[in-house]
């Protein structure tokens, strides 16, 4: 398997380069440079506490963009395993071949239909309600874009290394502004001043559990809303306010179904702070009562309002999501205004 392992890493990374070549222009210049800095840190195995300079990254970035220029017209290549060529998006077949060797692979689509690929060491495999949750450790091939979790068909992928990097960015963000916030309260629960790596490991372990909880909630939300129909709607709609709203509705439904009850059952204050510190602006706008319930818990230690919101929200967001889907199925892309009005008028 050694040579095949090496060839697989190269083939996946080539597809990653093609995806990056086609979609690097989707970012603003500031976001692009930040992502490339962290991508350099991953590729070169540079520690989080080591400061990167323009000289460190500049020549590498020029070289990487030259590689992209050569590949941006190329097609994604099949992956060859045990004498068979597999479509690079056939996660199930590819993982059937490689999970036994301690590897995990994922290909799917992110925001704006951006292809996402990664290959990593497999740490854990969890079967839940007909779905398989695969927890990845050290990443062997990846894109510039590296979301900590992805839901692809009947498989859910949790990327522990990408989560760890995302958490470090959150820690740095809070250190720069130092304001009292849910994120700052979460960071303060760990001893980053004495031992960054140990604190980051502890935080990543706790938040991996919560990402698994959210993805289980996503599975349940998909079962309630009709996953195929919902994904078809998101693919059909252009980038819009309605698209952001619909994603927030599904996230809120997933959290009310499973994430929030799991948070409260675990009783980990750091994770509760972290959850609310990472609520998107749209989720905050649509769910002000949830934000108020968190503030009440923070001030009093009483989590009953969060529990009450979860119980109410699992019915409310399911009903609203189904109603929005029905409008889309009737009107197609012409439903944007009605969907925005429907979702914006509730909460």
C-alpha atoms as a PDB file:
ATOM      1  CA  UNK A   1       0.000   0.000   0.000  1.00  0.00           C
ATOM      2  CA  UNK A   2       2.982   2.362   0.502  1.00  0.00           C
ATOM      3  CA  UNK A   3       3.389   3.384  -3.161  1.00  0.00           C
ATOM      4  CA  UNK A   4      -0.360   3.443  -3.646  1.00  0.00           C
ATOM      5  CA  UNK A   5      -0.616   5.614  -0.527  1.00  0.00           C
ATOM      6  CA  UNK A   6       1.941   8.059  -1.977  1.00  0.00           C
ATOM      7  CA  UNK A   7       0.214   8.118  -5.372  1.00  0.00           C
ATOM      8  CA  UNK A   8      -3.160   8.715  -3.723  1.00  0.00           C
ATOM      9  CA  UNK A   9      -1.843  11.703  -1.768  1.00  0.00           C
ATOM     10  CA  UNK A  10      -0.416  13.223  -4.953  1.00  0.00           C
ATOM     11  CA  UNK A  11      -3.616  12.623  -6.923  1.00  0.00           C
ATOM     12  CA  UNK A  12      -5.839  14.164  -4.238  1.00  0.00           C
ATOM     13  CA  UNK A  13      -3.521  17.149  -3.822  1.00  0.00           C
ATOM     14  CA  UNK A  14      -3.564  17.721  -7.585  1.00  0.00           C
ATOM     15  CA  UNK A  15      -7.360  17.871  -7.501  1.00  0.00           C
ATOM     16  CA  UNK A  16      -7.083  20.262  -4.561  1.00  0.00           C
ATOM     17  CA  UNK A  17      -4.802  22.494  -6.636  1.00  0.00           C
ATOM     18  CA  UNK A  18      -7.307  22.474  -9.513  1.00  0.00           C
ATOM     19  CA  UNK A  19     -10.133  23.477  -7.164  1.00  0.00           C
ATOM     20  CA  UNK A  20      -7.980  26.243  -5.688  1.00  0.00           C
ATOM     21  CA  UNK A  21      -6.970  27.459  -9.151  1.00  0.00           C
ATOM     22  CA  UNK A  22     -10.607  27.803 -10.139  1.00  0.00           C
ATOM     23  CA  UNK A  23     -11.884  29.376  -6.932  1.00  0.00           C
ATOM     24  CA  UNK A  24      -9.076  31.380  -5.301  1.00  0.00           C
ATOM     25  CA  UNK A  25     -10.550  34.449  -6.973  1.00  0.00           C
ATOM     26  CA  UNK A  26     -13.757  34.013  -4.956  1.00  0.00           C
ATOM     27  CA  UNK A  27     -12.106  35.614  -1.909  1.00  0.00           C
ATOM     28  CA  UNK A  28     -11.420  39.253  -1.188  1.00  0.00           C
ATOM     29  CA  UNK A  29      -7.717  40.061  -1.254  1.00  0.00           C
ATOM     30  CA  UNK A  30      -7.490  40.270   2.543  1.00  0.00           C
ATOM     31  CA  UNK A  31      -9.215  36.913   3.094  1.00  0.00           C
ATOM     32  CA  UNK A  32      -7.157  35.320   0.321  1.00  0.00           C
ATOM     33  CA  UNK A  33      -3.859  36.394   1.886  1.00  0.00           C
ATOM     34  CA  UNK A  34      -4.918  35.180   5.339  1.00  0.00           C
ATOM     35  CA  UNK A  35      -5.971  31.799   3.955  1.00  0.00           C
ATOM     36  CA  UNK A  36      -2.768  31.407   1.990  1.00  0.00           C
ATOM     37  CA  UNK A  37      -0.691  32.257   5.059  1.00  0.00           C
ATOM     38  CA  UNK A  38      -2.395  29.478   7.031  1.00  0.00           C
ATOM     39  CA  UNK A  39      -2.166  27.108   4.069  1.00  0.00           C
ATOM     40  CA  UNK A  40       1.604  27.745   4.003  1.00  0.00           C
ATOM     41  CA  UNK A  41       1.734  27.056   7.736  1.00  0.00           C
ATOM     42  CA  UNK A  42       0.008  23.691   7.182  1.00  0.00           C
ATOM     43  CA  UNK A  43       2.076  22.668   4.165  1.00  0.00           C
ATOM     44  CA  UNK A  44       5.390  23.572   5.807  1.00  0.00           C
ATOM     45  CA  UNK A  45       4.404  22.237   9.266  1.00  0.00           C
ATOM     46  CA  UNK A  46       5.056  25.606  10.900  1.00  0.00           C
ATOM     47  CA  UNK A  47       3.914  25.839  14.523  1.00  0.00           C
ATOM     48  CA  UNK A  48       1.124  28.205  15.514  1.00  0.00           C
ATOM     49  CA  UNK A  49       3.342  30.328  17.739  1.00  0.00           C
ATOM     50  CA  UNK A  50       5.916  30.966  15.025  1.00  0.00           C
ATOM     51  CA  UNK A  51       5.321  34.354  13.409  1.00  0.00           C
ATOM     52  CA  UNK A  52       5.195  34.278   9.620  1.00  0.00           C
ATOM     53  CA  UNK A  53       6.665  37.138   7.610  1.00  0.00           C
ATOM     54  CA  UNK A  54       6.054  38.273   4.038  1.00  0.00           C
ATOM     55  CA  UNK A  55       9.481  36.916   3.115  1.00  0.00           C
ATOM     56  CA  UNK A  56       8.497  33.463   4.428  1.00  0.00           C
ATOM     57  CA  UNK A  57       5.354  33.253   2.335  1.00  0.00           C
ATOM     58  CA  UNK A  58       6.070  35.466  -0.685  1.00  0.00           C
ATOM     59  CA  UNK A  59       8.178  33.158  -2.892  1.00  0.00           C
ATOM     60  CA  UNK A  60       6.035  30.142  -1.983  1.00  0.00           C
ATOM     61  CA  UNK A  61       2.871  32.047  -2.926  1.00  0.00           C
ATOM     62  CA  UNK A  62       4.311  33.051  -6.297  1.00  0.00           C
ATOM     63  CA  UNK A  63       5.222  29.434  -6.980  1.00  0.00           C
ATOM     64  CA  UNK A  64       1.812  28.172  -5.939  1.00  0.00           C
ATOM     65  CA  UNK A  65       0.019  30.624  -8.210  1.00  0.00           C
ATOM     66  CA  UNK A  66       2.222  29.458 -11.093  1.00  0.00           C
ATOM     67  CA  UNK A  67       1.121  25.857 -10.412  1.00  0.00           C
ATOM     68  CA  UNK A  68      -2.508  26.975 -10.411  1.00  0.00           C
ATOM     69  CA  UNK A  69      -2.069  28.750 -13.766  1.00  0.00           C
ATOM     70  CA  UNK A  70      -0.969  25.448 -15.292  1.00  0.00           C
ATOM     71  CA  UNK A  71      -3.894  23.491 -13.830  1.00  0.00           C
ATOM     72  CA  UNK A  72      -6.939  25.745 -13.931  1.00  0.00           C
ATOM     73  CA  UNK A  73      -8.155  24.291 -17.261  1.00  0.00           C
ATOM     74  CA  UNK A  74      -7.563  20.667 -16.206  1.00  0.00           C
ATOM     75  CA  UNK A  75     -10.316  18.234 -15.189  1.00  0.00           C
ATOM     76  CA  UNK A  76     -10.439  16.595 -11.780  1.00  0.00           C
ATOM     77  CA  UNK A  77      -8.633  13.283 -12.097  1.00  0.00           C
ATOM     78  CA  UNK A  78      -9.990   9.881 -11.014  1.00  0.00           C
ATOM     79  CA  UNK A  79      -8.383   8.165  -8.029  1.00  0.00           C
ATOM     80  CA  UNK A  80      -6.823   4.768  -8.748  1.00  0.00           C
ATOM     81  CA  UNK A  81      -7.140   2.140  -6.022  1.00  0.00           C
ATOM     82  CA  UNK A  82      -6.546  -1.601  -6.303  1.00  0.00           C
ATOM     83  CA  UNK A  83      -6.610  -1.439 -10.081  1.00  0.00           C
ATOM     84  CA  UNK A  84      -9.880   0.516 -10.264  1.00  0.00           C
ATOM     85  CA  UNK A  85     -10.385   4.138 -11.280  1.00  0.00           C
ATOM     86  CA  UNK A  86     -12.879   5.948  -9.023  1.00  0.00           C
ATOM     87  CA  UNK A  87     -14.695   9.183  -9.702  1.00  0.00           C
ATOM     88  CA  UNK A  88     -13.088  11.685  -7.281  1.00  0.00           C
ATOM     89  CA  UNK A  89     -16.525  12.513  -5.837  1.00  0.00           C
ATOM     90  CA  UNK A  90     -17.377   8.880  -5.029  1.00  0.00           C
ATOM     91  CA  UNK A  91     -16.657   9.168  -1.307  1.00  0.00           C
ATOM     92  CA  UNK A  92     -18.308   5.919  -0.316  1.00  0.00           C
ATOM     93  CA  UNK A  93     -16.393   3.697  -2.740  1.00  0.00           C
ATOM     94  CA  UNK A  94     -13.059   5.396  -2.042  1.00  0.00           C
ATOM     95  CA  UNK A  95     -13.487   5.183   1.722  1.00  0.00           C
ATOM     96  CA  UNK A  96     -14.442   1.525   1.433  1.00  0.00           C
ATOM     97  CA  UNK A  97     -10.972   0.944  -0.003  1.00  0.00           C
ATOM     98  CA  UNK A  98      -8.916   3.149   2.307  1.00  0.00           C
ATOM     99  CA  UNK A  99     -10.589   3.210   5.746  1.00  0.00           C
ATOM    100  CA  UNK A 100      -9.041  -0.156   6.560  1.00  0.00           C
ATOM    101  CA  UNK A 101      -5.606   1.385   5.999  1.00  0.00           C
ATOM    102  CA  UNK A 102      -6.333   4.138   8.516  1.00  0.00           C
ATOM    103  CA  UNK A 103      -7.175   6.803   5.934  1.00  0.00           C
ATOM    104  CA  UNK A 104     -10.258   8.903   5.235  1.00  0.00           C
ATOM    105  CA  UNK A 105     -11.170  10.865   2.106  1.00  0.00           C
ATOM    106  CA  UNK A 106     -13.833  13.407   1.275  1.00  0.00           C
ATOM    107  CA  UNK A 107     -14.942  15.284  -1.818  1.00  0.00           C
ATOM    108  CA  UNK A 108     -17.966  17.534  -1.931  1.00  0.00           C
ATOM    109  CA  UNK A 109     -19.197  21.057  -2.505  1.00  0.00           C
ATOM    110  CA  UNK A 110     -19.058  24.058  -0.199  1.00  0.00           C
ATOM    111  CA  UNK A 111     -20.431  27.564  -0.527  1.00  0.00           C
ATOM    112  CA  UNK A 112     -21.055  28.735  -4.108  1.00  0.00           C
ATOM    113  CA  UNK A 113     -20.631  25.129  -5.255  1.00  0.00           C
ATOM    114  CA  UNK A 114     -16.881  25.232  -4.587  1.00  0.00           C
ATOM    115  CA  UNK A 115     -15.404  21.695  -4.754  1.00  0.00           C
ATOM    116  CA  UNK A 116     -13.643  20.623  -1.549  1.00  0.00           C
ATOM    117  CA  UNK A 117     -11.229  17.700  -1.225  1.00  0.00           C
ATOM    118  CA  UNK A 118      -9.123  16.285   1.566  1.00  0.00           C
ATOM    119  CA  UNK A 119      -7.259  13.110   2.536  1.00  0.00           C
ATOM    120  CA  UNK A 120      -6.295  12.444   6.149  1.00  0.00           C
ATOM    121  CA  UNK A 121      -5.508   9.827   8.757  1.00  0.00           C
ATOM    122  CA  UNK A 122      -8.685   8.267  10.165  1.00  0.00           C
ATOM    123  CA  UNK A 123      -9.050   8.656  13.940  1.00  0.00           C
ATOM    124  CA  UNK A 124     -12.600   7.469  14.611  1.00  0.00           C
ATOM    125  CA  UNK A 125     -15.608   6.019  12.828  1.00  0.00           C
ATOM    126  CA  UNK A 126     -19.087   6.443  14.358  1.00  0.00           C
ATOM    127  CA  UNK A 127     -22.286   4.880  13.029  1.00  0.00           C
ATOM    128  CA  UNK A 128     -25.427   6.895  13.798  1.00  0.00           C
ATOM    129  CA  UNK A 129     -28.960   6.430  12.477  1.00  0.00           C
ATOM    130  CA  UNK A 130     -27.872   5.155   9.061  1.00  0.00           C
ATOM    131  CA  UNK A 131     -25.075   7.723   8.736  1.00  0.00           C
ATOM    132  CA  UNK A 132     -21.328   7.279   9.159  1.00  0.00           C
ATOM    133  CA  UNK A 133     -19.367   9.969  11.004  1.00  0.00           C
ATOM    134  CA  UNK A 134     -15.672   9.895  10.133  1.00  0.00           C
ATOM    135  CA  UNK A 135     -13.278  11.855  12.355  1.00  0.00           C
ATOM    136  CA  UNK A 136     -10.068  12.803  10.545  1.00  0.00           C
ATOM    137  CA  UNK A 137      -6.735  13.544  12.179  1.00  0.00           C
ATOM    138  CA  UNK A 138      -3.509  14.620  10.443  1.00  0.00           C
ATOM    139  CA  UNK A 139      -4.298  15.885   6.958  1.00  0.00           C
ATOM    140  CA  UNK A 140      -2.224  14.586   4.048  1.00  0.00           C
ATOM    141  CA  UNK A 141      -3.802  16.586   1.214  1.00  0.00           C
ATOM    142  CA  UNK A 142      -6.185  19.551   1.325  1.00  0.00           C
ATOM    143  CA  UNK A 143      -7.453  22.730  -0.333  1.00  0.00           C
ATOM    144  CA  UNK A 144      -6.932  26.311   0.746  1.00  0.00           C
ATOM    145  CA  UNK A 145     -10.511  26.126   2.055  1.00  0.00           C
ATOM    146  CA  UNK A 146     -10.644  23.688   4.990  1.00  0.00           C
ATOM    147  CA  UNK A 147     -14.000  23.601   6.829  1.00  0.00           C
ATOM    148  CA  UNK A 148     -13.885  21.655  10.114  1.00  0.00           C
ATOM    149  CA  UNK A 149     -16.963  19.606   9.182  1.00  0.00           C
ATOM    150  CA  UNK A 150     -18.826  18.526   6.063  1.00  0.00           C
ATOM    151  CA  UNK A 151     -21.945  16.479   5.425  1.00  0.00           C
ATOM    152  CA  UNK A 152     -21.788  14.495   2.171  1.00  0.00           C
ATOM    153  CA  UNK A 153     -24.697  12.149   1.535  1.00  0.00           C
ATOM    154  CA  UNK A 154     -24.691   9.442   4.190  1.00  0.00           C
ATOM    155  CA  UNK A 155     -21.205  10.348   5.397  1.00  0.00           C
ATOM    156  CA  UNK A 156     -20.254  13.132   7.818  1.00  0.00           C
ATOM    157  CA  UNK A 157     -16.623  14.258   7.982  1.00  0.00           C
ATOM    158  CA  UNK A 158     -15.066  15.939  11.027  1.00  0.00           C
ATOM    159  CA  UNK A 159     -11.613  17.433  10.405  1.00  0.00           C
ATOM    160  CA  UNK A 160      -9.841  17.669  13.750  1.00  0.00           C
ATOM    161  CA  UNK A 161      -6.684  19.311  12.350  1.00  0.00           C
ATOM    162  CA  UNK A 162      -8.677  21.947  10.489  1.00  0.00           C
ATOM    163  CA  UNK A 163     -10.722  22.525  13.634  1.00  0.00           C
ATOM    164  CA  UNK A 164      -7.525  23.003  15.625  1.00  0.00           C
ATOM    165  CA  UNK A 165      -6.319  25.610  13.140  1.00  0.00           C
ATOM    166  CA  UNK A 166      -9.665  27.382  13.191  1.00  0.00           C
ATOM    167  CA  UNK A 167      -9.625  27.446  16.992  1.00  0.00           C
ATOM    168  CA  UNK A 168      -6.152  28.968  17.019  1.00  0.00           C
ATOM    169  CA  UNK A 169      -7.392  31.736  14.704  1.00  0.00           C
ATOM    170  CA  UNK A 170     -10.239  32.369  17.165  1.00  0.00           C
ATOM    171  CA  UNK A 171      -7.797  32.523  20.068  1.00  0.00           C
ATOM    172  CA  UNK A 172      -5.591  34.994  18.212  1.00  0.00           C
ATOM    173  CA  UNK A 173      -8.628  37.072  17.247  1.00  0.00           C
ATOM    174  CA  UNK A 174      -9.669  37.378  20.881  1.00  0.00           C
ATOM    175  CA  UNK A 175      -6.122  38.180  22.014  1.00  0.00           C
ATOM    176  CA  UNK A 176      -6.003  41.057  19.548  1.00  0.00           C
ATOM    177  CA  UNK A 177      -9.261  42.706  20.638  1.00  0.00           C
ATOM    178  CA  UNK A 178      -9.452  41.466  24.261  1.00  0.00           C
ATOM    179  CA  UNK A 179     -13.111  42.390  24.655  1.00  0.00           C
ATOM    180  CA  UNK A 180     -15.498  40.607  26.992  1.00  0.00           C
ATOM    181  CA  UNK A 181     -17.439  38.284  24.695  1.00  0.00           C
ATOM    182  CA  UNK A 182     -18.692  34.702  24.580  1.00  0.00           C
ATOM    183  CA  UNK A 183     -15.599  33.766  22.549  1.00  0.00           C
ATOM    184  CA  UNK A 184     -13.290  35.411  25.069  1.00  0.00           C
ATOM    185  CA  UNK A 185     -15.041  33.627  27.931  1.00  0.00           C
ATOM    186  CA  UNK A 186     -14.532  30.295  26.132  1.00  0.00           C
ATOM    187  CA  UNK A 187     -10.821  30.975  25.577  1.00  0.00           C
ATOM    188  CA  UNK A 188     -10.416  32.046  29.211  1.00  0.00           C
ATOM    189  CA  UNK A 189     -11.520  28.569  30.337  1.00  0.00           C
ATOM    190  CA  UNK A 190      -8.200  27.183  29.013  1.00  0.00           C
ATOM    191  CA  UNK A 191      -4.657  28.002  30.152  1.00  0.00           C
ATOM    192  CA  UNK A 192      -3.240  29.393  26.908  1.00  0.00           C
ATOM    193  CA  UNK A 193      -0.762  31.573  28.796  1.00  0.00           C
ATOM    194  CA  UNK A 194       1.136  28.609  30.269  1.00  0.00           C
ATOM    195  CA  UNK A 195       0.907  25.932  27.559  1.00  0.00           C
ATOM    196  CA  UNK A 196      -0.597  26.801  24.178  1.00  0.00           C
ATOM    197  CA  UNK A 197      -0.433  23.296  22.684  1.00  0.00           C
ATOM    198  CA  UNK A 198      -2.038  21.559  25.685  1.00  0.00           C
ATOM    199  CA  UNK A 199      -4.762  24.202  25.911  1.00  0.00           C
ATOM    200  CA  UNK A 200      -5.440  23.952  22.186  1.00  0.00           C
ATOM    201  CA  UNK A 201      -5.625  20.155  22.364  1.00  0.00           C
ATOM    202  CA  UNK A 202      -8.152  20.337  25.221  1.00  0.00           C
ATOM    203  CA  UNK A 203     -10.257  22.915  23.405  1.00  0.00           C
ATOM    204  CA  UNK A 204     -10.152  20.929  20.154  1.00  0.00           C
ATOM    205  CA  UNK A 205     -11.234  17.743  21.939  1.00  0.00           C
ATOM    206  CA  UNK A 206     -14.238  19.473  23.502  1.00  0.00           C
ATOM    207  CA  UNK A 207     -15.270  21.206  20.293  1.00  0.00           C
ATOM    208  CA  UNK A 208     -14.838  18.065  18.199  1.00  0.00           C
ATOM    209  CA  UNK A 209     -17.550  16.520  20.362  1.00  0.00           C
ATOM    210  CA  UNK A 210     -19.772  19.532  19.736  1.00  0.00           C
ATOM    211  CA  UNK A 211     -19.172  19.498  15.988  1.00  0.00           C
ATOM    212  CA  UNK A 212     -20.195  15.840  15.991  1.00  0.00           C
ATOM    213  CA  UNK A 213     -23.328  16.911  17.903  1.00  0.00           C
ATOM    214  CA  UNK A 214     -24.091  19.601  15.322  1.00  0.00           C
ATOM    215  CA  UNK A 215     -23.581  17.208  12.419  1.00  0.00           C
ATOM    216  CA  UNK A 216     -25.947  14.706  14.032  1.00  0.00           C
ATOM    217  CA  UNK A 217     -28.390  17.604  14.256  1.00  0.00           C
ATOM    218  CA  UNK A 218     -27.797  18.266  10.550  1.00  0.00           C
ATOM    219  CA  UNK A 219     -28.657  14.650   9.788  1.00  0.00           C
ATOM    220  CA  UNK A 220     -31.899  14.962  11.752  1.00  0.00           C
ATOM    221  CA  UNK A 221     -32.694  18.304  10.097  1.00  0.00           C
ATOM    222  CA  UNK A 222     -32.156  16.760   6.666  1.00  0.00           C
ATOM    223  CA  UNK A 223     -34.526  13.926   7.516  1.00  0.00           C
ATOM    224  CA  UNK A 224     -37.210  16.432   8.547  1.00  0.00           C
ATOM    225  CA  UNK A 225     -36.772  18.855   5.635  1.00  0.00           C
ATOM    226  CA  UNK A 226     -36.001  16.354   2.870  1.00  0.00           C
ATOM    227  CA  UNK A 227     -32.256  16.517   2.347  1.00  0.00           C
ATOM    228  CA  UNK A 228     -32.201  16.070  -1.432  1.00  0.00           C
ATOM    229  CA  UNK A 229     -34.896  18.674  -2.036  1.00  0.00           C
ATOM    230  CA  UNK A 230     -33.219  21.125   0.340  1.00  0.00           C
ATOM    231  CA  UNK A 231     -29.799  20.743  -1.284  1.00  0.00           C
ATOM    232  CA  UNK A 232     -31.359  21.089  -4.741  1.00  0.00           C
ATOM    233  CA  UNK A 233     -32.896  24.393  -3.623  1.00  0.00           C
ATOM    234  CA  UNK A 234     -29.567  25.734  -2.338  1.00  0.00           C
ATOM    235  CA  UNK A 235     -27.775  24.732  -5.538  1.00  0.00           C
ATOM    236  CA  UNK A 236     -30.454  26.403  -7.674  1.00  0.00           C
ATOM    237  CA  UNK A 237     -30.558  29.712  -5.816  1.00  0.00           C
ATOM    238  CA  UNK A 238     -28.017  32.403  -6.720  1.00  0.00           C
ATOM    239  CA  UNK A 239     -25.869  33.983  -3.974  1.00  0.00           C
ATOM    240  CA  UNK A 240     -28.398  36.078  -2.113  1.00  0.00           C
ATOM    241  CA  UNK A 241     -29.778  37.158   1.233  1.00  0.00           C
ATOM    242  CA  UNK A 242     -32.325  34.348   0.941  1.00  0.00           C
ATOM    243  CA  UNK A 243     -29.527  31.780   0.596  1.00  0.00           C
ATOM    244  CA  UNK A 244     -27.868  33.038   3.805  1.00  0.00           C
ATOM    245  CA  UNK A 245     -31.234  32.986   5.592  1.00  0.00           C
ATOM    246  CA  UNK A 246     -32.014  29.426   4.508  1.00  0.00           C
ATOM    247  CA  UNK A 247     -28.651  28.147   5.713  1.00  0.00           C
ATOM    248  CA  UNK A 248     -29.235  29.865   9.066  1.00  0.00           C
ATOM    249  CA  UNK A 249     -32.698  28.303   9.372  1.00  0.00           C
ATOM    250  CA  UNK A 250     -31.283  24.827   8.834  1.00  0.00           C
ATOM    251  CA  UNK A 251     -28.428  25.456  11.286  1.00  0.00           C
ATOM    252  CA  UNK A 252     -30.883  26.647  13.934  1.00  0.00           C
ATOM    253  CA  UNK A 253     -33.066  23.596  13.360  1.00  0.00           C
ATOM    254  CA  UNK A 254     -30.052  21.271  13.672  1.00  0.00           C
ATOM    255  CA  UNK A 255     -28.973  22.985  16.871  1.00  0.00           C
ATOM    256  CA  UNK A 256     -32.415  22.867  18.451  1.00  0.00           C
ATOM    257  CA  UNK A 257     -32.770  19.197  17.534  1.00  0.00           C
ATOM    258  CA  UNK A 258     -29.432  18.055  18.936  1.00  0.00           C
ATOM    259  CA  UNK A 259     -26.596  20.542  19.523  1.00  0.00           C
ATOM    260  CA  UNK A 260     -28.213  22.624  22.257  1.00  0.00           C
ATOM    261  CA  UNK A 261     -29.608  19.637  24.197  1.00  0.00           C
ATOM    262  CA  UNK A 262     -26.166  18.004  23.970  1.00  0.00           C
ATOM    263  CA  UNK A 263     -24.437  21.194  25.136  1.00  0.00           C
ATOM    264  CA  UNK A 264     -26.694  21.388  28.170  1.00  0.00           C
ATOM    265  CA  UNK A 265     -26.361  17.673  28.928  1.00  0.00           C
ATOM    266  CA  UNK A 266     -22.563  17.922  28.914  1.00  0.00           C
ATOM    267  CA  UNK A 267     -22.587  21.077  31.025  1.00  0.00           C
ATOM    268  CA  UNK A 268     -19.212  22.266  29.726  1.00  0.00           C
ATOM    269  CA  UNK A 269     -19.251  26.046  30.239  1.00  0.00           C
ATOM    270  CA  UNK A 270     -16.394  26.583  27.756  1.00  0.00           C
ATOM    271  CA  UNK A 271     -18.354  24.841  24.986  1.00  0.00           C
ATOM    272  CA  UNK A 272     -21.517  26.808  25.745  1.00  0.00           C
ATOM    273  CA  UNK A 273     -19.577  30.073  25.545  1.00  0.00           C
ATOM    274  CA  UNK A 274     -17.881  28.899  22.352  1.00  0.00           C
ATOM    275  CA  UNK A 275     -21.158  27.960  20.687  1.00  0.00           C
ATOM    276  CA  UNK A 276     -22.625  31.399  21.283  1.00  0.00           C
ATOM    277  CA  UNK A 277     -19.352  33.082  20.388  1.00  0.00           C
ATOM    278  CA  UNK A 278     -19.588  31.504  16.939  1.00  0.00           C
ATOM    279  CA  UNK A 279     -23.221  32.165  16.141  1.00  0.00           C
ATOM    280  CA  UNK A 280     -23.353  33.779  12.710  1.00  0.00           C
ATOM    281  CA  UNK A 281     -24.781  37.265  12.371  1.00  0.00           C
ATOM    282  CA  UNK A 282     -27.822  35.854  10.589  1.00  0.00           C
ATOM    283  CA  UNK A 283     -28.540  33.269  13.292  1.00  0.00           C
ATOM    284  CA  UNK A 284     -28.333  36.019  15.913  1.00  0.00           C
ATOM    285  CA  UNK A 285     -30.709  38.163  13.883  1.00  0.00           C
ATOM    286  CA  UNK A 286     -33.225  35.350  13.406  1.00  0.00           C
ATOM    287  CA  UNK A 287     -32.975  34.014  16.974  1.00  0.00           C
ATOM    288  CA  UNK A 288     -32.675  36.975  19.392  1.00  0.00           C
ATOM    289  CA  UNK A 289     -34.462  34.972  22.106  1.00  0.00           C
ATOM    290  CA  UNK A 290     -31.671  32.390  21.990  1.00  0.00           C
ATOM    291  CA  UNK A 291     -29.041  35.100  22.489  1.00  0.00           C
ATOM    292  CA  UNK A 292     -31.057  36.471  25.412  1.00  0.00           C
ATOM    293  CA  UNK A 293     -31.292  32.966  26.908  1.00  0.00           C
ATOM    294  CA  UNK A 294     -27.496  32.668  26.764  1.00  0.00           C
ATOM    295  CA  UNK A 295     -27.064  36.015  28.498  1.00  0.00           C
ATOM    296  CA  UNK A 296     -29.445  34.900  31.226  1.00  0.00           C
ATOM    297  CA  UNK A 297     -27.420  31.702  31.703  1.00  0.00           C
ATOM    298  CA  UNK A 298     -24.171  33.666  31.799  1.00  0.00           C
ATOM    299  CA  UNK A 299     -25.505  36.004  34.493  1.00  0.00           C
ATOM    300  CA  UNK A 300     -27.383  33.467  36.621  1.00  0.00           C
ATOM    301  CA  UNK A 301     -26.184  29.955  35.739  1.00  0.00           C
ATOM    302  CA  UNK A 302     -29.782  29.025  34.870  1.00  0.00           C
ATOM    303  CA  UNK A 303     -29.887  27.194  31.512  1.00  0.00           C
ATOM    304  CA  UNK A 304     -33.647  26.594  31.473  1.00  0.00           C
ATOM    305  CA  UNK A 305     -34.302  29.319  28.897  1.00  0.00           C
ATOM    306  CA  UNK A 306     -31.836  27.745  26.478  1.00  0.00           C
ATOM    307  CA  UNK A 307     -33.556  24.381  26.956  1.00  0.00           C
ATOM    308  CA  UNK A 308     -36.972  25.996  26.433  1.00  0.00           C
ATOM    309  CA  UNK A 309     -35.776  27.664  23.239  1.00  0.00           C
ATOM    310  CA  UNK A 310     -34.465  24.358  21.869  1.00  0.00           C
ATOM    311  CA  UNK A 311     -37.801  22.672  22.562  1.00  0.00           C
ATOM    312  CA  UNK A 312     -39.693  25.497  20.845  1.00  0.00           C
ATOM    313  CA  UNK A 313     -37.199  25.924  18.008  1.00  0.00           C
ATOM    314  CA  UNK A 314     -37.211  22.359  16.737  1.00  0.00           C
ATOM    315  CA  UNK A 315     -40.866  22.797  15.772  1.00  0.00           C
ATOM    316  CA  UNK A 316     -40.603  26.417  14.652  1.00  0.00           C
ATOM    317  CA  UNK A 317     -37.562  26.096  12.379  1.00  0.00           C
ATOM    318  CA  UNK A 318     -38.791  22.834  10.852  1.00  0.00           C
ATOM    319  CA  UNK A 319     -42.111  24.446   9.995  1.00  0.00           C
ATOM    320  CA  UNK A 320     -40.432  27.538   8.555  1.00  0.00           C
ATOM    321  CA  UNK A 321     -37.908  25.501   6.560  1.00  0.00           C
ATOM    322  CA  UNK A 322     -40.647  23.351   5.033  1.00  0.00           C
ATOM    323  CA  UNK A 323     -42.683  26.441   4.161  1.00  0.00           C
ATOM    324  CA  UNK A 324     -39.697  28.076   2.438  1.00  0.00           C
ATOM    325  CA  UNK A 325     -39.000  24.876   0.495  1.00  0.00           C
ATOM    326  CA  UNK A 326     -42.631  24.706  -0.641  1.00  0.00           C
ATOM    327  CA  UNK A 327     -42.466  28.289  -1.923  1.00  0.00           C
ATOM    328  CA  UNK A 328     -39.289  27.511  -3.839  1.00  0.00           C
ATOM    329  CA  UNK A 329     -40.810  24.378  -5.378  1.00  0.00           C
ATOM    330  CA  UNK A 330     -43.749  26.473  -6.577  1.00  0.00           C
ATOM    331  CA  UNK A 331     -41.831  29.500  -7.857  1.00  0.00           C
ATOM    332  CA  UNK A 332     -38.236  28.402  -8.457  1.00  0.00           C
ATOM    333  CA  UNK A 333     -35.591  31.138  -8.336  1.00  0.00           C
ATOM    334  CA  UNK A 334     -38.390  33.698  -8.486  1.00  0.00           C
ATOM    335  CA  UNK A 335     -39.137  32.851  -4.853  1.00  0.00           C
ATOM    336  CA  UNK A 336     -36.193  34.846  -3.463  1.00  0.00           C
ATOM    337  CA  UNK A 337     -38.232  37.842  -2.313  1.00  0.00           C
ATOM    338  CA  UNK A 338     -40.997  35.711  -0.759  1.00  0.00           C
ATOM    339  CA  UNK A 339     -38.476  33.510   1.064  1.00  0.00           C
ATOM    340  CA  UNK A 340     -36.679  36.556   2.467  1.00  0.00           C
ATOM    341  CA  UNK A 341     -39.978  38.078   3.612  1.00  0.00           C
ATOM    342  CA  UNK A 342     -41.149  34.801   5.153  1.00  0.00           C
ATOM    343  CA  UNK A 343     -37.963  34.139   7.117  1.00  0.00           C
ATOM    344  CA  UNK A 344     -37.302  37.778   7.985  1.00  0.00           C
ATOM    345  CA  UNK A 345     -40.750  38.164   9.479  1.00  0.00           C
ATOM    346  CA  UNK A 346     -40.304  35.458  12.107  1.00  0.00           C
ATOM    347  CA  UNK A 347     -37.841  34.482  14.820  1.00  0.00           C
END
